[in-house]
């Protein structure tokens, strides 16, 4: 069991549209963060996490997750799973 306090989170700005509070679990396969996205991320192309898988709970809002040539709409209350090294936008 692990607990990461809010005061221990690291604030990281991926871009003007994407800010993250990283709650590092120091685990090889998964980590935790709170992300606020206010536009397309990345600005163009795609990105990926080359270290671990990502599980994203949509706390507020809606959008579209793009993987390969497919786009998947999501909204508040949905959970997204992105595999390690899976390119997305």
N, C-alpha and C. Protein backbone atom coordinates (compact mmCIF):
# COMPACT_ATOMS: atom_id res chain seq x y z
N UNK A 1 0.85 -1.16 0.00
CA UNK A 1 0.00 0.00 0.00
C UNK A 1 0.89 1.23 0.00
N UNK A 2 0.49 2.24 -0.76
CA UNK A 2 1.24 3.49 -0.82
C UNK A 2 0.27 4.65 -0.77
N UNK A 3 0.70 5.73 -0.14
CA UNK A 3 -0.06 6.97 -0.11
C UNK A 3 0.90 8.07 -0.56
N UNK A 4 0.44 8.88 -1.51
CA UNK A 4 1.22 10.04 -1.94
C UNK A 4 0.37 11.27 -1.62
N UNK A 5 0.85 12.10 -0.75
CA UNK A 5 0.13 13.29 -0.32
C UNK A 5 0.18 14.37 -1.40
N UNK A 6 -0.85 15.19 -1.47
CA UNK A 6 -0.89 16.29 -2.43
C UNK A 6 0.35 17.18 -2.30
N UNK A 7 0.81 17.38 -1.09
CA UNK A 7 1.99 18.22 -0.87
C UNK A 7 3.26 17.61 -1.46
N UNK A 8 3.23 16.31 -1.77
CA UNK A 8 4.38 15.62 -2.35
C UNK A 8 4.33 15.59 -3.88
N UNK A 9 3.24 16.04 -4.46
CA UNK A 9 3.09 16.02 -5.91
C UNK A 9 4.03 17.02 -6.56
N UNK A 10 4.49 16.66 -7.76
CA UNK A 10 5.35 17.53 -8.55
C UNK A 10 4.51 18.14 -9.66
N UNK A 11 4.53 19.46 -9.81
CA UNK A 11 3.79 20.14 -10.86
C UNK A 11 4.65 20.18 -12.12
N UNK A 12 4.06 19.77 -13.24
CA UNK A 12 4.78 19.70 -14.50
C UNK A 12 3.90 20.24 -15.62
N UNK A 13 4.43 21.13 -16.43
CA UNK A 13 3.70 21.65 -17.59
C UNK A 13 4.20 20.98 -18.85
N UNK A 14 3.37 20.12 -19.45
CA UNK A 14 3.73 19.47 -20.71
C UNK A 14 3.67 20.46 -21.87
N UNK A 15 2.72 21.40 -21.80
CA UNK A 15 2.53 22.42 -22.83
C UNK A 15 1.59 23.48 -22.26
N UNK A 16 1.26 24.49 -23.06
CA UNK A 16 0.29 25.49 -22.62
C UNK A 16 -1.08 24.87 -22.40
N UNK A 17 -1.38 23.74 -23.07
CA UNK A 17 -2.69 23.08 -22.97
C UNK A 17 -2.72 21.93 -21.97
N UNK A 18 -1.57 21.56 -21.40
CA UNK A 18 -1.53 20.36 -20.56
C UNK A 18 -0.64 20.57 -19.34
N UNK A 19 -1.28 20.60 -18.17
CA UNK A 19 -0.56 20.71 -16.91
C UNK A 19 -0.83 19.48 -16.06
N UNK A 20 0.21 18.99 -15.36
CA UNK A 20 0.07 17.77 -14.57
C UNK A 20 0.59 17.96 -13.15
N UNK A 21 -0.11 17.37 -12.21
CA UNK A 21 0.39 17.19 -10.85
C UNK A 21 0.75 15.71 -10.76
N UNK A 22 2.03 15.40 -10.65
CA UNK A 22 2.49 14.02 -10.67
C UNK A 22 2.62 13.50 -9.25
N UNK A 23 1.89 12.41 -8.97
CA UNK A 23 1.93 11.73 -7.68
C UNK A 23 2.72 10.44 -7.89
N UNK A 24 4.03 10.53 -7.85
CA UNK A 24 4.87 9.39 -8.21
C UNK A 24 4.74 8.25 -7.21
N UNK A 25 4.46 7.07 -7.74
CA UNK A 25 4.36 5.86 -6.93
C UNK A 25 5.69 5.09 -6.92
N UNK A 26 6.64 5.55 -7.74
CA UNK A 26 7.94 4.86 -7.87
C UNK A 26 7.76 3.39 -8.22
N UNK A 27 6.85 3.13 -9.15
CA UNK A 27 6.58 1.78 -9.64
C UNK A 27 7.02 1.69 -11.10
N UNK A 28 7.41 0.52 -11.52
CA UNK A 28 7.89 0.31 -12.89
C UNK A 28 6.75 0.35 -13.91
N UNK A 29 5.60 -0.21 -13.58
CA UNK A 29 4.54 -0.42 -14.58
C UNK A 29 3.45 0.64 -14.61
N UNK A 30 3.30 1.42 -13.53
CA UNK A 30 2.20 2.37 -13.48
C UNK A 30 2.57 3.54 -12.57
N UNK A 31 2.03 4.69 -12.87
CA UNK A 31 2.24 5.86 -12.05
C UNK A 31 0.93 6.63 -11.97
N UNK A 32 0.90 7.73 -11.26
CA UNK A 32 -0.34 8.44 -11.03
C UNK A 32 -0.13 9.94 -11.18
N UNK A 33 -1.14 10.60 -11.76
CA UNK A 33 -1.08 12.05 -11.87
C UNK A 33 -2.49 12.61 -12.08
N UNK A 34 -2.62 13.88 -11.83
CA UNK A 34 -3.84 14.62 -12.11
C UNK A 34 -3.51 15.59 -13.22
N UNK A 35 -4.19 15.47 -14.34
CA UNK A 35 -3.86 16.27 -15.52
C UNK A 35 -5.04 17.14 -15.90
N UNK A 36 -4.73 18.38 -16.26
CA UNK A 36 -5.75 19.28 -16.80
C UNK A 36 -5.36 19.59 -18.25
N UNK A 37 -6.22 19.21 -19.18
CA UNK A 37 -5.98 19.46 -20.60
C UNK A 37 -7.03 20.46 -21.07
N UNK A 38 -6.57 21.53 -21.71
CA UNK A 38 -7.50 22.58 -22.14
C UNK A 38 -7.34 22.87 -23.63
N UNK A 39 -7.26 21.81 -24.41
CA UNK A 39 -7.07 21.91 -25.85
C UNK A 39 -6.43 20.64 -26.35
N UNK A 40 -5.96 20.65 -27.58
CA UNK A 40 -5.33 19.45 -28.14
C UNK A 40 -3.97 19.24 -27.51
N UNK A 41 -3.70 18.01 -27.13
CA UNK A 41 -2.37 17.64 -26.63
C UNK A 41 -1.95 16.34 -27.27
N UNK A 42 -0.76 16.32 -27.87
CA UNK A 42 0.11 17.46 -28.11
C UNK A 42 -0.48 18.38 -29.19
N UNK A 43 0.13 19.54 -29.39
CA UNK A 43 -0.37 20.52 -30.36
C UNK A 43 -0.55 19.91 -31.74
N UNK A 44 0.36 19.01 -32.12
CA UNK A 44 0.26 18.30 -33.40
C UNK A 44 0.92 16.94 -33.23
N UNK A 45 0.61 16.03 -34.12
CA UNK A 45 1.19 14.70 -34.04
C UNK A 45 0.62 13.91 -32.88
N UNK A 46 1.45 13.05 -32.30
CA UNK A 46 1.01 12.23 -31.17
C UNK A 46 2.14 12.13 -30.15
N UNK A 47 1.85 11.54 -29.01
CA UNK A 47 2.84 11.34 -27.96
C UNK A 47 2.63 9.95 -27.38
N UNK A 48 3.51 9.55 -26.49
CA UNK A 48 3.35 8.26 -25.82
C UNK A 48 4.17 8.26 -24.53
N UNK A 49 3.79 7.39 -23.63
CA UNK A 49 4.53 7.18 -22.39
C UNK A 49 5.39 5.95 -22.60
N UNK A 50 6.69 6.13 -22.64
CA UNK A 50 7.57 4.98 -22.94
C UNK A 50 7.93 4.19 -21.69
N UNK A 51 7.40 4.59 -20.53
CA UNK A 51 7.77 3.92 -19.28
C UNK A 51 6.64 3.04 -18.74
N UNK A 52 5.42 3.57 -18.69
CA UNK A 52 4.35 2.82 -18.02
C UNK A 52 3.00 3.02 -18.69
N UNK A 53 2.04 2.23 -18.27
CA UNK A 53 0.66 2.33 -18.74
C UNK A 53 0.00 3.52 -18.07
N UNK A 54 -1.08 4.01 -18.68
CA UNK A 54 -1.81 5.14 -18.11
C UNK A 54 -3.28 4.79 -17.98
N UNK A 55 -3.84 5.07 -16.82
CA UNK A 55 -5.27 4.94 -16.58
C UNK A 55 -5.77 6.35 -16.28
N UNK A 56 -6.73 6.82 -17.05
CA UNK A 56 -7.21 8.20 -16.92
C UNK A 56 -8.69 8.21 -16.58
N UNK A 57 -9.02 8.76 -15.44
CA UNK A 57 -10.41 8.97 -15.06
C UNK A 57 -10.78 10.39 -15.46
N UNK A 58 -11.85 10.56 -16.21
CA UNK A 58 -12.27 11.88 -16.67
C UNK A 58 -13.12 12.51 -15.57
N UNK A 59 -12.49 13.42 -14.83
CA UNK A 59 -13.13 14.06 -13.69
C UNK A 59 -14.12 15.13 -14.12
N UNK A 60 -13.82 15.80 -15.24
CA UNK A 60 -14.68 16.89 -15.69
C UNK A 60 -14.45 17.12 -17.18
N UNK A 61 -15.51 17.36 -17.91
CA UNK A 61 -15.40 17.74 -19.31
C UNK A 61 -15.59 16.58 -20.27
N UNK A 62 -15.14 16.80 -21.50
CA UNK A 62 -15.29 15.80 -22.55
C UNK A 62 -14.20 16.05 -23.59
N UNK A 63 -14.01 15.09 -24.46
CA UNK A 63 -13.01 15.23 -25.52
C UNK A 63 -12.97 14.01 -26.39
N UNK A 64 -11.89 13.88 -27.12
CA UNK A 64 -11.69 12.75 -28.02
C UNK A 64 -10.26 12.26 -27.87
N UNK A 65 -10.09 10.96 -27.68
CA UNK A 65 -8.78 10.34 -27.62
C UNK A 65 -8.50 9.74 -28.99
N UNK A 66 -7.40 10.13 -29.60
CA UNK A 66 -7.01 9.60 -30.89
C UNK A 66 -5.90 8.58 -30.75
N UNK A 67 -6.11 7.39 -31.28
CA UNK A 67 -5.09 6.33 -31.31
C UNK A 67 -5.08 5.77 -32.72
N UNK A 68 -3.89 5.81 -33.33
CA UNK A 68 -3.75 5.42 -34.74
C UNK A 68 -4.71 6.26 -35.58
N UNK A 69 -5.53 5.61 -36.39
CA UNK A 69 -6.48 6.33 -37.24
C UNK A 69 -7.88 6.37 -36.63
N UNK A 70 -8.03 5.97 -35.38
CA UNK A 70 -9.32 5.92 -34.71
C UNK A 70 -9.43 7.05 -33.68
N UNK A 71 -10.65 7.57 -33.50
CA UNK A 71 -10.90 8.56 -32.46
C UNK A 71 -12.02 8.04 -31.57
N UNK A 72 -11.83 8.20 -30.26
CA UNK A 72 -12.75 7.67 -29.27
C UNK A 72 -13.26 8.81 -28.38
N UNK A 73 -14.54 9.14 -28.46
CA UNK A 73 -15.07 10.22 -27.62
C UNK A 73 -15.15 9.76 -26.16
N UNK A 74 -14.95 10.71 -25.25
CA UNK A 74 -15.08 10.43 -23.82
C UNK A 74 -15.72 11.63 -23.13
N UNK A 75 -16.23 11.38 -21.91
CA UNK A 75 -16.89 12.44 -21.14
C UNK A 75 -16.70 12.17 -19.66
N UNK A 76 -17.18 13.10 -18.84
CA UNK A 76 -17.09 13.00 -17.39
C UNK A 76 -17.54 11.63 -16.91
N UNK A 77 -16.73 11.02 -16.06
CA UNK A 77 -17.05 9.72 -15.48
C UNK A 77 -16.46 8.54 -16.22
N UNK A 78 -15.94 8.74 -17.44
CA UNK A 78 -15.32 7.67 -18.20
C UNK A 78 -13.90 7.40 -17.70
N UNK A 79 -13.39 6.21 -17.99
CA UNK A 79 -12.01 5.83 -17.69
C UNK A 79 -11.35 5.43 -19.00
N UNK A 80 -10.16 5.96 -19.24
CA UNK A 80 -9.38 5.63 -20.44
C UNK A 80 -8.16 4.81 -20.02
N UNK A 81 -7.81 3.81 -20.80
CA UNK A 81 -6.59 3.02 -20.57
C UNK A 81 -5.70 3.17 -21.79
N UNK A 82 -4.48 3.61 -21.58
CA UNK A 82 -3.51 3.77 -22.66
C UNK A 82 -2.30 2.91 -22.31
N UNK A 83 -1.97 1.98 -23.18
CA UNK A 83 -0.86 1.06 -22.93
C UNK A 83 0.47 1.80 -23.07
N UNK A 84 1.50 1.30 -22.43
CA UNK A 84 2.84 1.87 -22.56
C UNK A 84 3.25 1.84 -24.04
N UNK A 85 3.85 2.90 -24.50
CA UNK A 85 4.34 3.07 -25.86
C UNK A 85 3.24 3.16 -26.91
N UNK A 86 1.98 3.26 -26.50
CA UNK A 86 0.87 3.44 -27.44
C UNK A 86 0.76 4.92 -27.77
N UNK A 87 0.89 5.25 -29.06
CA UNK A 87 0.85 6.65 -29.48
C UNK A 87 -0.59 7.16 -29.45
N UNK A 88 -0.76 8.37 -28.91
CA UNK A 88 -2.10 8.96 -28.79
C UNK A 88 -2.03 10.48 -28.90
N UNK A 89 -3.23 11.07 -29.05
CA UNK A 89 -3.39 12.52 -28.97
C UNK A 89 -4.77 12.81 -28.43
